């Protein structure tokens, strides 16, 4: 199960990276940002996204507990969930083991 989840996380990261690469040459990022900041639901979506980035970064910092953890957390804020998914793919066995060690 652990290997399957790691593969799934890596596939999600690659899929998101692919979508980003497709959007780069043809997409108008400014128009998307204008939409997100101009409408109430756009602001909710943006807040939800960045709260998720902050929570993911906090998890990385708590788990890594060193300078690379902070660097990864900053990368999540700048690059988004591609970094989060890659980190989950990389660290899933240790994360799963730490969840099992902790009492409910």
N, C-alpha and C. Protein backbone atom coordinates (compact mmCIF):
# COMPACT_ATOMS: atom_id res chain seq x y z
N UNK A 1 0.82 -1.20 0.00
CA UNK A 1 0.00 0.00 0.00
C UNK A 1 0.87 1.25 0.00
N UNK A 2 1.95 1.23 0.77
CA UNK A 2 2.82 2.39 0.86
C UNK A 2 3.44 2.73 -0.49
N UNK A 3 3.89 1.70 -1.21
CA UNK A 3 4.48 1.94 -2.53
C UNK A 3 3.44 2.49 -3.49
N UNK A 4 2.22 1.99 -3.42
CA UNK A 4 1.16 2.48 -4.30
C UNK A 4 0.85 3.95 -4.02
N UNK A 5 0.82 4.33 -2.76
CA UNK A 5 0.57 5.73 -2.42
C UNK A 5 1.71 6.62 -2.89
N UNK A 6 2.95 6.16 -2.73
CA UNK A 6 4.08 6.95 -3.21
C UNK A 6 3.99 7.17 -4.71
N UNK A 7 3.64 6.13 -5.44
CA UNK A 7 3.48 6.25 -6.89
C UNK A 7 2.34 7.21 -7.22
N UNK A 8 1.23 7.10 -6.49
CA UNK A 8 0.09 7.99 -6.72
C UNK A 8 0.47 9.44 -6.47
N UNK A 9 1.21 9.71 -5.40
CA UNK A 9 1.65 11.08 -5.12
C UNK A 9 2.56 11.59 -6.23
N UNK A 10 3.46 10.75 -6.70
CA UNK A 10 4.37 11.15 -7.79
C UNK A 10 3.59 11.42 -9.07
N UNK A 11 2.59 10.60 -9.36
CA UNK A 11 1.76 10.81 -10.56
C UNK A 11 1.00 12.12 -10.44
N UNK A 12 0.47 12.41 -9.26
CA UNK A 12 -0.23 13.69 -9.05
C UNK A 12 0.72 14.87 -9.29
N UNK A 13 1.93 14.76 -8.78
CA UNK A 13 2.91 15.84 -8.97
C UNK A 13 3.23 16.02 -10.45
N UNK A 14 3.46 14.92 -11.15
CA UNK A 14 3.76 15.01 -12.58
C UNK A 14 2.58 15.54 -13.37
N UNK A 15 1.37 15.12 -13.01
CA UNK A 15 0.18 15.62 -13.69
C UNK A 15 0.01 17.12 -13.51
N UNK A 16 0.20 17.59 -12.28
CA UNK A 16 0.09 19.02 -12.02
C UNK A 16 1.19 19.79 -12.74
N UNK A 17 2.41 19.25 -12.72
CA UNK A 17 3.51 19.91 -13.44
C UNK A 17 3.20 19.98 -14.93
N UNK A 18 2.60 18.91 -15.47
CA UNK A 18 2.21 18.92 -16.88
C UNK A 18 1.17 19.99 -17.18
N UNK A 19 0.18 20.12 -16.31
CA UNK A 19 -0.83 21.17 -16.50
C UNK A 19 -0.20 22.56 -16.47
N UNK A 20 0.76 22.74 -15.58
CA UNK A 20 1.45 24.03 -15.50
C UNK A 20 2.20 24.31 -16.79
N UNK A 21 2.90 23.30 -17.29
CA UNK A 21 3.66 23.48 -18.54
C UNK A 21 2.75 23.78 -19.72
N UNK A 22 1.58 23.16 -19.75
CA UNK A 22 0.61 23.44 -20.81
C UNK A 22 0.09 24.87 -20.70
N UNK A 23 -0.13 25.34 -19.48
CA UNK A 23 -0.71 26.67 -19.27
C UNK A 23 0.30 27.79 -19.52
N UNK A 24 1.57 27.54 -19.30
CA UNK A 24 2.57 28.61 -19.38
C UNK A 24 2.57 29.36 -20.71
N UNK A 25 2.66 28.68 -21.85
CA UNK A 25 2.76 29.46 -23.10
C UNK A 25 1.46 30.12 -23.54
N UNK A 26 0.33 29.54 -23.21
CA UNK A 26 -0.92 30.05 -23.75
C UNK A 26 -1.82 30.74 -22.75
N UNK A 27 -1.51 30.61 -21.48
CA UNK A 27 -2.41 31.16 -20.48
C UNK A 27 -2.06 32.58 -20.10
N UNK A 28 -3.09 33.33 -19.75
CA UNK A 28 -2.91 34.70 -19.28
C UNK A 28 -3.02 34.67 -17.76
N UNK A 29 -1.87 34.53 -17.10
CA UNK A 29 -1.85 34.46 -15.65
C UNK A 29 -2.42 35.70 -14.99
N UNK A 30 -2.19 36.85 -15.61
CA UNK A 30 -2.72 38.10 -15.05
C UNK A 30 -4.23 38.10 -15.01
N UNK A 31 -4.87 37.59 -16.07
CA UNK A 31 -6.34 37.54 -16.10
C UNK A 31 -6.86 36.59 -15.02
N UNK A 32 -6.16 35.49 -14.82
CA UNK A 32 -6.58 34.54 -13.79
C UNK A 32 -6.47 35.17 -12.41
N UNK A 33 -5.37 35.87 -12.17
CA UNK A 33 -5.19 36.53 -10.87
C UNK A 33 -6.24 37.62 -10.68
N UNK A 34 -6.52 38.37 -11.74
CA UNK A 34 -7.56 39.41 -11.64
C UNK A 34 -8.91 38.80 -11.29
N UNK A 35 -9.24 37.66 -11.90
CA UNK A 35 -10.50 36.99 -11.58
C UNK A 35 -10.53 36.57 -10.12
N UNK A 36 -9.42 35.98 -9.68
CA UNK A 36 -9.38 35.47 -8.31
C UNK A 36 -9.46 36.57 -7.26
N UNK A 37 -8.95 37.73 -7.58
CA UNK A 37 -8.99 38.81 -6.60
C UNK A 37 -10.22 39.70 -6.74
N UNK A 38 -10.95 39.56 -7.85
CA UNK A 38 -12.09 40.45 -8.10
C UNK A 38 -13.43 39.90 -7.62
N UNK A 39 -13.50 38.59 -7.39
CA UNK A 39 -14.79 38.00 -7.01
C UNK A 39 -14.69 37.40 -5.61
N UNK A 40 -15.80 37.38 -4.88
CA UNK A 40 -15.77 36.79 -3.53
C UNK A 40 -15.31 35.33 -3.53
N UNK A 41 -15.85 34.53 -4.46
CA UNK A 41 -15.45 33.13 -4.48
C UNK A 41 -14.02 32.96 -4.97
N UNK A 42 -13.55 33.86 -5.78
CA UNK A 42 -12.15 33.84 -6.17
C UNK A 42 -11.24 34.08 -4.98
N UNK A 43 -11.64 35.02 -4.11
CA UNK A 43 -10.85 35.29 -2.90
C UNK A 43 -10.91 34.10 -1.94
N UNK A 44 -12.08 33.47 -1.83
CA UNK A 44 -12.20 32.27 -0.98
C UNK A 44 -11.29 31.17 -1.51
N UNK A 45 -11.31 30.97 -2.82
CA UNK A 45 -10.48 29.94 -3.44
C UNK A 45 -9.00 30.22 -3.20
N UNK A 46 -8.60 31.47 -3.36
CA UNK A 46 -7.20 31.84 -3.14
C UNK A 46 -6.82 31.64 -1.68
N UNK A 47 -7.68 32.05 -0.75
CA UNK A 47 -7.40 31.86 0.67
C UNK A 47 -7.29 30.38 1.00
N UNK A 48 -8.20 29.57 0.48
CA UNK A 48 -8.18 28.13 0.71
C UNK A 48 -6.87 27.53 0.20
N UNK A 49 -6.46 27.93 -0.98
CA UNK A 49 -5.23 27.43 -1.58
C UNK A 49 -4.02 27.77 -0.71
N UNK A 50 -3.91 29.03 -0.31
CA UNK A 50 -2.74 29.44 0.47
C UNK A 50 -2.77 28.92 1.89
N UNK A 51 -3.94 28.74 2.47
CA UNK A 51 -4.01 28.09 3.79
C UNK A 51 -3.49 26.66 3.67
N UNK A 52 -3.87 25.97 2.60
CA UNK A 52 -3.34 24.63 2.35
C UNK A 52 -1.83 24.63 2.19
N UNK A 53 -1.30 25.62 1.46
CA UNK A 53 0.16 25.73 1.31
C UNK A 53 0.82 25.92 2.67
N UNK A 54 0.26 26.79 3.50
CA UNK A 54 0.83 27.07 4.81
C UNK A 54 0.78 25.82 5.70
N UNK A 55 -0.35 25.11 5.69
CA UNK A 55 -0.46 23.89 6.48
C UNK A 55 0.52 22.83 5.99
N UNK A 56 0.64 22.68 4.67
CA UNK A 56 1.60 21.72 4.11
C UNK A 56 3.02 22.10 4.51
N UNK A 57 3.34 23.38 4.41
CA UNK A 57 4.67 23.84 4.81
C UNK A 57 4.94 23.59 6.29
N UNK A 58 3.93 23.80 7.13
CA UNK A 58 4.09 23.55 8.57
C UNK A 58 4.36 22.07 8.83
N UNK A 59 3.66 21.20 8.11
CA UNK A 59 3.90 19.76 8.25
C UNK A 59 5.32 19.40 7.85
N UNK A 60 5.78 19.97 6.74
CA UNK A 60 7.15 19.70 6.28
C UNK A 60 8.15 20.17 7.32
N UNK A 61 7.98 21.39 7.84
CA UNK A 61 8.91 21.91 8.84
C UNK A 61 8.88 21.05 10.10
N UNK A 62 7.70 20.64 10.55
CA UNK A 62 7.60 19.81 11.76
C UNK A 62 8.27 18.46 11.55
N UNK A 63 8.15 17.92 10.34
CA UNK A 63 8.70 16.60 10.08
C UNK A 63 10.20 16.65 9.80
N UNK A 64 10.64 17.62 9.03
CA UNK A 64 12.05 17.70 8.64
C UNK A 64 12.92 18.28 9.75
N UNK A 65 12.45 19.33 10.43
CA UNK A 65 13.14 19.95 11.57
C UNK A 65 14.58 20.37 11.25
N UNK A 66 14.79 20.93 10.08
CA UNK A 66 16.12 21.43 9.73
C UNK A 66 15.98 22.49 8.64
N UNK A 67 17.11 23.02 8.21
CA UNK A 67 17.07 24.07 7.19
C UNK A 67 16.43 23.60 5.89
N UNK A 68 16.74 22.39 5.39
CA UNK A 68 16.04 21.96 4.16
C UNK A 68 14.52 21.92 4.31
N UNK A 69 14.03 21.65 5.51
CA UNK A 69 12.59 21.68 5.74
C UNK A 69 12.02 23.06 5.53
N UNK A 70 12.73 24.07 6.01
CA UNK A 70 12.29 25.45 5.82
C UNK A 70 12.35 25.81 4.34
N UNK A 71 13.40 25.38 3.66
CA UNK A 71 13.53 25.64 2.22
C UNK A 71 12.37 25.00 1.47
N UNK A 72 12.03 23.76 1.82
CA UNK A 72 10.90 23.09 1.18
C UNK A 72 9.59 23.83 1.46
N UNK A 73 9.41 24.31 2.68
CA UNK A 73 8.18 25.04 3.01
C UNK A 73 8.07 26.31 2.18
N UNK A 74 9.17 27.02 2.00
CA UNK A 74 9.15 28.22 1.16
C UNK A 74 8.87 27.83 -0.29
N UNK A 75 9.45 26.71 -0.73
CA UNK A 75 9.19 26.24 -2.10
C UNK A 75 7.71 25.93 -2.30
N UNK A 76 7.05 25.40 -1.29
CA UNK A 76 5.61 25.13 -1.39
C UNK A 76 4.85 26.43 -1.58
N UNK A 77 5.23 27.46 -0.83
CA UNK A 77 4.55 28.76 -0.97
C UNK A 77 4.76 29.35 -2.37
N UNK A 78 5.93 29.13 -2.95
CA UNK A 78 6.24 29.72 -4.25
C UNK A 78 5.80 28.85 -5.43
N UNK A 79 5.93 27.54 -5.29
CA UNK A 79 5.70 26.63 -6.41
C UNK A 79 4.42 25.81 -6.27
N UNK A 80 3.85 25.78 -5.09
CA UNK A 80 2.57 25.13 -4.90
C UNK A 80 2.65 23.64 -4.60
N UNK A 81 1.56 22.98 -4.92
CA UNK A 81 1.38 21.59 -4.51
C UNK A 81 2.17 20.59 -5.32
N UNK A 82 2.86 21.02 -6.36
CA UNK A 82 3.80 20.12 -7.02
C UNK A 82 4.85 19.70 -5.99
N UNK A 83 5.35 20.67 -5.24
CA UNK A 83 6.36 20.39 -4.20
C UNK A 83 5.75 19.52 -3.10
N UNK A 84 4.54 19.85 -2.69
CA UNK A 84 3.87 19.06 -1.64
C UNK A 84 3.73 17.60 -2.07
N UNK A 85 3.25 17.37 -3.27
CA UNK A 85 3.05 15.99 -3.75
C UNK A 85 4.38 15.25 -3.87
N UNK A 86 5.42 15.93 -4.35
CA UNK A 86 6.74 15.28 -4.43
C UNK A 86 7.27 14.95 -3.04
N UNK A 87 7.06 15.85 -2.08
CA UNK A 87 7.52 15.58 -0.71
C UNK A 87 6.77 14.39 -0.12
N UNK A 88 5.45 14.33 -0.35
CA UNK A 88 4.68 13.18 0.14
C UNK A 88 5.17 11.89 -0.50
N UNK A 89 5.46 11.91 -1.80
CA UNK A 89 5.97 10.72 -2.48
C UNK A 89 7.31 10.29 -1.87
N UNK A 90 8.15 11.25 -1.56
CA UNK A 90 9.47 10.98 -1.01
C UNK A 90 9.39 10.49 0.43
N UNK A 91 8.58 11.12 1.26
CA UNK A 91 8.58 10.86 2.69
C UNK A 91 7.43 9.99 3.20
N UNK A 92 6.58 9.48 2.31
CA UNK A 92 5.41 8.76 2.77
C UNK A 92 5.72 7.61 3.73
N UNK A 93 6.71 6.74 3.48
CA UNK A 93 6.95 5.65 4.44
C UNK A 93 7.22 6.16 5.86
N UNK A 94 8.03 7.22 5.98
CA UNK A 94 8.32 7.76 7.30
C UNK A 94 7.10 8.42 7.92
N UNK A 95 6.32 9.12 7.09
CA UNK A 95 5.09 9.75 7.60
C UNK A 95 4.12 8.69 8.11
N UNK A 96 3.89 7.67 7.31
CA UNK A 96 2.96 6.61 7.70
C UNK A 96 3.43 5.93 8.98
N UNK A 97 4.73 5.68 9.09
CA UNK A 97 5.26 5.04 10.30
C UNK A 97 5.07 5.95 11.52
N UNK A 98 5.26 7.25 11.35
CA UNK A 98 5.09 8.15 12.49
C UNK A 98 3.64 8.23 12.92
N UNK A 99 2.71 8.11 11.98
CA UNK A 99 1.29 8.10 12.35
C UNK A 99 0.95 6.85 13.15
N UNK A 100 1.55 5.73 12.81
CA UNK A 100 1.27 4.47 13.50
C UNK A 100 1.85 4.47 14.91
N UNK A 101 2.95 5.18 15.13
CA UNK A 101 3.59 5.20 16.45
C UNK A 101 2.83 6.04 17.46
N UNK A 102 2.05 6.98 16.99
CA UNK A 102 1.37 7.91 17.89
C UNK A 102 0.03 7.33 18.33
N UNK A 103 -0.26 7.42 19.64
CA UNK A 103 -1.58 6.95 20.10
C UNK A 103 -2.68 7.88 19.60
N UNK A 104 -3.84 7.30 19.39
CA UNK A 104 -4.98 8.09 18.89
C UNK A 104 -5.58 8.97 19.95
